[in-house]
Amino acid sequence: MSYPNLSSSFISYTLTEEETLFGSILATGQKQCIQNQISNLAEQRISLRYLPDAPMTFVQQDAELQGQIIALRYLITLSDNAEASLLDLSNSSS
């Protein structure tokens, strides 16, 4: 059973390996919504225009969009890896 980790400055929980795997799996609809967000952010990123008068603005906007895309991709990858790990565990216990 999960319980709060009080030794951290931020909210975190102590989870078993199984709780972590199950908690990391996204439902199909959640994955689809996240993928739509990634697509929208990628469209914004390729639509950015470089302005010679404000080069840092472009760099900052690009970095922000890239960071959001990376974070969302991480969630999908985490979910896919958790699903694969659970499948491996169930196959090895059979």
N, C-alpha and C. Protein backbone atom coordinates (compact mmCIF):
# COMPACT_ATOMS: atom_id res chain seq x y z
N MET A 1 0.85 -1.18 0.00
CA MET A 1 0.00 0.00 0.00
C MET A 1 0.88 1.24 0.00
N SER A 2 0.53 2.22 -0.80
CA SER A 2 1.32 3.44 -0.89
C SER A 2 1.11 4.30 0.35
N TYR A 3 2.14 5.06 0.66
CA TYR A 3 2.03 6.00 1.76
C TYR A 3 2.91 7.20 1.47
N PRO A 4 2.54 8.37 2.02
CA PRO A 4 3.31 9.59 1.74
C PRO A 4 4.75 9.47 2.22
N ASN A 5 5.65 10.03 1.44
CA ASN A 5 7.05 10.08 1.80
C ASN A 5 7.29 11.42 2.49
N LEU A 6 7.36 11.42 3.80
CA LEU A 6 7.45 12.66 4.56
C LEU A 6 8.86 13.24 4.60
N SER A 7 9.85 12.51 4.11
CA SER A 7 11.22 13.00 4.12
C SER A 7 11.54 13.89 2.92
N SER A 8 10.59 14.04 2.02
CA SER A 8 10.79 14.84 0.82
C SER A 8 10.21 16.23 0.99
N SER A 9 10.81 17.21 0.35
CA SER A 9 10.29 18.58 0.37
C SER A 9 9.06 18.71 -0.52
N PHE A 10 8.88 17.76 -1.41
CA PHE A 10 7.76 17.77 -2.34
C PHE A 10 6.86 16.58 -2.06
N ILE A 11 5.63 16.63 -2.52
CA ILE A 11 4.71 15.51 -2.31
C ILE A 11 5.19 14.32 -3.14
N SER A 12 5.43 13.23 -2.48
CA SER A 12 5.78 11.98 -3.15
C SER A 12 5.26 10.83 -2.32
N TYR A 13 5.24 9.66 -2.93
CA TYR A 13 4.69 8.49 -2.27
C TYR A 13 5.67 7.33 -2.40
N THR A 14 5.72 6.52 -1.39
CA THR A 14 6.49 5.29 -1.44
C THR A 14 5.57 4.21 -1.98
N LEU A 15 5.96 3.64 -3.13
CA LEU A 15 5.13 2.65 -3.82
C LEU A 15 5.91 1.36 -4.00
N THR A 16 5.19 0.26 -4.02
CA THR A 16 5.82 -1.00 -4.39
C THR A 16 6.08 -0.96 -5.90
N GLU A 17 6.87 -1.91 -6.39
CA GLU A 17 7.13 -1.98 -7.83
C GLU A 17 5.83 -2.18 -8.60
N GLU A 18 4.98 -3.03 -8.08
CA GLU A 18 3.70 -3.31 -8.74
C GLU A 18 2.81 -2.06 -8.77
N GLU A 19 2.74 -1.33 -7.65
CA GLU A 19 1.95 -0.09 -7.60
C GLU A 19 2.48 0.93 -8.60
N THR A 20 3.80 1.01 -8.72
CA THR A 20 4.41 1.94 -9.67
C THR A 20 4.04 1.56 -11.10
N LEU A 21 4.12 0.28 -11.41
CA LEU A 21 3.78 -0.16 -12.77
C LEU A 21 2.32 0.11 -13.09
N PHE A 22 1.41 -0.32 -12.20
CA PHE A 22 -0.02 -0.10 -12.45
C PHE A 22 -0.35 1.39 -12.50
N GLY A 23 0.29 2.19 -11.66
CA GLY A 23 0.02 3.62 -11.64
C GLY A 23 0.56 4.35 -12.85
N SER A 24 1.50 3.74 -13.54
CA SER A 24 2.13 4.37 -14.71
C SER A 24 1.37 4.10 -16.01
N ILE A 25 0.45 3.16 -15.99
CA ILE A 25 -0.26 2.79 -17.22
C ILE A 25 -1.40 3.76 -17.49
N LEU A 26 -1.37 4.32 -18.68
CA LEU A 26 -2.42 5.24 -19.11
C LEU A 26 -3.50 4.48 -19.87
N ALA A 27 -4.73 4.92 -19.73
CA ALA A 27 -5.83 4.36 -20.51
C ALA A 27 -5.69 4.82 -21.96
N THR A 28 -6.31 4.10 -22.87
CA THR A 28 -6.22 4.42 -24.29
C THR A 28 -6.65 5.87 -24.56
N GLY A 29 -7.74 6.30 -23.96
CA GLY A 29 -8.21 7.67 -24.16
C GLY A 29 -7.22 8.70 -23.65
N GLN A 30 -6.56 8.40 -22.55
CA GLN A 30 -5.55 9.33 -22.03
C GLN A 30 -4.37 9.42 -22.99
N LYS A 31 -3.93 8.27 -23.52
CA LYS A 31 -2.84 8.29 -24.49
C LYS A 31 -3.22 9.09 -25.73
N GLN A 32 -4.45 8.93 -26.18
CA GLN A 32 -4.91 9.65 -27.36
C GLN A 32 -4.93 11.16 -27.11
N CYS A 33 -5.40 11.57 -25.94
CA CYS A 33 -5.43 13.00 -25.61
C CYS A 33 -4.01 13.56 -25.52
N ILE A 34 -3.12 12.81 -24.90
CA ILE A 34 -1.72 13.26 -24.79
C ILE A 34 -1.09 13.34 -26.18
N GLN A 35 -1.37 12.36 -27.03
CA GLN A 35 -0.82 12.39 -28.39
C GLN A 35 -1.36 13.60 -29.16
N ASN A 36 -2.63 13.94 -28.95
CA ASN A 36 -3.19 15.14 -29.59
C ASN A 36 -2.48 16.39 -29.09
N GLN A 37 -2.18 16.44 -27.81
CA GLN A 37 -1.44 17.59 -27.26
C GLN A 37 -0.05 17.68 -27.88
N ILE A 38 0.62 16.53 -28.01
CA ILE A 38 1.94 16.51 -28.64
C ILE A 38 1.85 17.04 -30.07
N SER A 39 0.84 16.58 -30.79
CA SER A 39 0.65 17.02 -32.17
C SER A 39 0.43 18.53 -32.24
N ASN A 40 -0.41 19.05 -31.37
CA ASN A 40 -0.67 20.50 -31.36
C ASN A 40 0.58 21.30 -31.04
N LEU A 41 1.35 20.83 -30.06
CA LEU A 41 2.58 21.51 -29.69
C LEU A 41 3.61 21.46 -30.82
N ALA A 42 3.68 20.32 -31.50
CA ALA A 42 4.61 20.18 -32.62
C ALA A 42 4.23 21.13 -33.76
N GLU A 43 2.93 21.26 -34.00
CA GLU A 43 2.46 22.22 -35.03
C GLU A 43 2.86 23.64 -34.65
N GLN A 44 2.69 23.97 -33.37
CA GLN A 44 3.09 25.31 -32.91
C GLN A 44 4.59 25.51 -33.10
N ARG A 45 5.35 24.47 -32.79
CA ARG A 45 6.81 24.56 -32.87
C ARG A 45 7.27 24.80 -34.30
N ILE A 46 6.71 24.06 -35.27
CA ILE A 46 7.15 24.25 -36.64
C ILE A 46 6.61 25.55 -37.25
N SER A 47 5.63 26.17 -36.58
CA SER A 47 5.08 27.43 -37.06
C SER A 47 5.80 28.65 -36.48
N LEU A 48 6.71 28.42 -35.56
CA LEU A 48 7.44 29.54 -34.97
C LEU A 48 8.20 30.30 -36.05
N ARG A 49 8.23 31.60 -35.90
CA ARG A 49 8.96 32.44 -36.86
C ARG A 49 10.11 33.12 -36.14
N TYR A 50 11.27 33.03 -36.75
CA TYR A 50 12.45 33.69 -36.21
C TYR A 50 12.42 35.16 -36.58
N LEU A 51 12.56 36.01 -35.59
CA LEU A 51 12.62 37.45 -35.83
C LEU A 51 14.02 37.93 -35.46
N PRO A 52 14.76 38.45 -36.42
CA PRO A 52 16.13 38.89 -36.15
C PRO A 52 16.22 39.92 -35.02
N ASP A 53 15.17 40.70 -34.83
CA ASP A 53 15.17 41.70 -33.76
C ASP A 53 14.97 41.10 -32.38
N ALA A 54 14.44 39.88 -32.32
CA ALA A 54 14.16 39.24 -31.02
C ALA A 54 14.57 37.76 -31.07
N PRO A 55 15.86 37.47 -31.23
CA PRO A 55 16.28 36.07 -31.35
C PRO A 55 16.01 35.25 -30.09
N MET A 56 16.12 35.86 -28.92
CA MET A 56 15.90 35.12 -27.68
C MET A 56 14.44 34.72 -27.51
N THR A 57 13.54 35.49 -28.02
CA THR A 57 12.12 35.15 -27.96
C THR A 57 11.87 33.83 -28.69
N PHE A 58 12.46 33.72 -29.89
CA PHE A 58 12.32 32.49 -30.65
C PHE A 58 12.91 31.31 -29.89
N VAL A 59 14.11 31.49 -29.36
CA VAL A 59 14.81 30.42 -28.64
C VAL A 59 14.00 29.98 -27.42
N GLN A 60 13.45 30.94 -26.69
CA GLN A 60 12.67 30.62 -25.49
C GLN A 60 11.38 29.89 -25.84
N GLN A 61 10.69 30.37 -26.86
CA GLN A 61 9.44 29.71 -27.26
C GLN A 61 9.71 28.30 -27.76
N ASP A 62 10.77 28.13 -28.56
CA ASP A 62 11.12 26.81 -29.07
C ASP A 62 11.47 25.87 -27.92
N ALA A 63 12.25 26.35 -26.97
CA ALA A 63 12.65 25.52 -25.83
C ALA A 63 11.44 25.13 -24.99
N GLU A 64 10.52 26.05 -24.79
CA GLU A 64 9.32 25.73 -24.00
C GLU A 64 8.48 24.66 -24.68
N LEU A 65 8.27 24.81 -25.97
CA LEU A 65 7.48 23.82 -26.70
C LEU A 65 8.18 22.47 -26.73
N GLN A 66 9.48 22.49 -26.96
CA GLN A 66 10.25 21.24 -26.97
C GLN A 66 10.17 20.55 -25.62
N GLY A 67 10.28 21.31 -24.54
CA GLY A 67 10.19 20.72 -23.20
C GLY A 67 8.84 20.09 -22.93
N GLN A 68 7.78 20.75 -23.38
CA GLN A 68 6.43 20.19 -23.20
C GLN A 68 6.28 18.90 -23.99
N ILE A 69 6.77 18.89 -25.22
CA ILE A 69 6.68 17.68 -26.06
C ILE A 69 7.45 16.54 -25.42
N ILE A 70 8.65 16.82 -24.94
CA ILE A 70 9.47 15.78 -24.31
C ILE A 70 8.78 15.22 -23.07
N ALA A 71 8.20 16.10 -22.25
CA ALA A 71 7.52 15.64 -21.03
C ALA A 71 6.32 14.75 -21.36
N LEU A 72 5.55 15.14 -22.36
CA LEU A 72 4.39 14.33 -22.74
C LEU A 72 4.80 13.00 -23.36
N ARG A 73 5.85 13.02 -24.18
CA ARG A 73 6.36 11.76 -24.75
C ARG A 73 6.85 10.84 -23.63
N TYR A 74 7.45 11.42 -22.62
CA TYR A 74 7.94 10.64 -21.48
C TYR A 74 6.79 9.89 -20.82
N LEU A 75 5.64 10.55 -20.65
CA LEU A 75 4.49 9.89 -20.02
C LEU A 75 4.01 8.70 -20.85
N ILE A 76 3.97 8.86 -22.16
CA ILE A 76 3.54 7.76 -23.02
C ILE A 76 4.56 6.63 -22.98
N THR A 77 5.84 6.96 -23.02
CA THR A 77 6.89 5.94 -22.95
C THR A 77 6.85 5.21 -21.62
N LEU A 78 6.65 5.95 -20.54
CA LEU A 78 6.55 5.35 -19.21
C LEU A 78 5.40 4.35 -19.16
N SER A 79 4.28 4.73 -19.73
CA SER A 79 3.11 3.85 -19.77
C SER A 79 3.38 2.61 -20.60
N ASP A 80 3.96 2.79 -21.78
CA ASP A 80 4.26 1.65 -22.65
C ASP A 80 5.23 0.69 -21.97
N ASN A 81 6.25 1.24 -21.33
CA ASN A 81 7.23 0.39 -20.64
C ASN A 81 6.61 -0.35 -19.46
N ALA A 82 5.70 0.31 -18.74
CA ALA A 82 5.02 -0.34 -17.62
C ALA A 82 4.15 -1.49 -18.11
N GLU A 83 3.44 -1.26 -19.22
CA GLU A 83 2.62 -2.33 -19.80
C GLU A 83 3.49 -3.52 -20.19
N ALA A 84 4.62 -3.26 -20.83
CA ALA A 84 5.52 -4.34 -21.25
C ALA A 84 6.08 -5.08 -20.03
N SER A 85 6.43 -4.35 -18.99
CA SER A 85 6.96 -4.99 -17.77
C SER A 85 5.93 -5.87 -17.11
N LEU A 86 4.69 -5.40 -17.04
CA LEU A 86 3.63 -6.22 -16.45
C LEU A 86 3.37 -7.46 -17.28
N LEU A 87 3.43 -7.32 -18.59
CA LEU A 87 3.24 -8.47 -19.46
C LEU A 87 4.36 -9.48 -19.25
N ASP A 88 5.59 -8.99 -19.15
CA ASP A 88 6.73 -9.89 -18.87
C ASP A 88 6.56 -10.60 -17.54
N LEU A 89 6.12 -9.86 -16.52
CA LEU A 89 5.91 -10.47 -15.20
C LEU A 89 4.84 -11.54 -15.23
N SER A 90 3.76 -11.26 -15.95
CA SER A 90 2.67 -12.25 -16.02
C SER A 90 3.10 -13.46 -16.82
N ASN A 91 3.89 -13.28 -17.86
CA ASN A 91 4.37 -14.41 -18.67
C ASN A 91 5.38 -15.25 -17.90
N SER A 92 6.21 -14.62 -17.08
CA SER A 92 7.21 -15.36 -16.33
C SER A 92 6.61 -16.11 -15.15
N SER A 93 5.45 -15.65 -14.66
CA SER A 93 4.80 -16.33 -13.55
C SER A 93 3.87 -17.46 -14.02
N SER A 94 3.64 -17.52 -15.32
CA SER A 94 2.75 -18.57 -15.87
C SER A 94 3.48 -19.86 -16.07
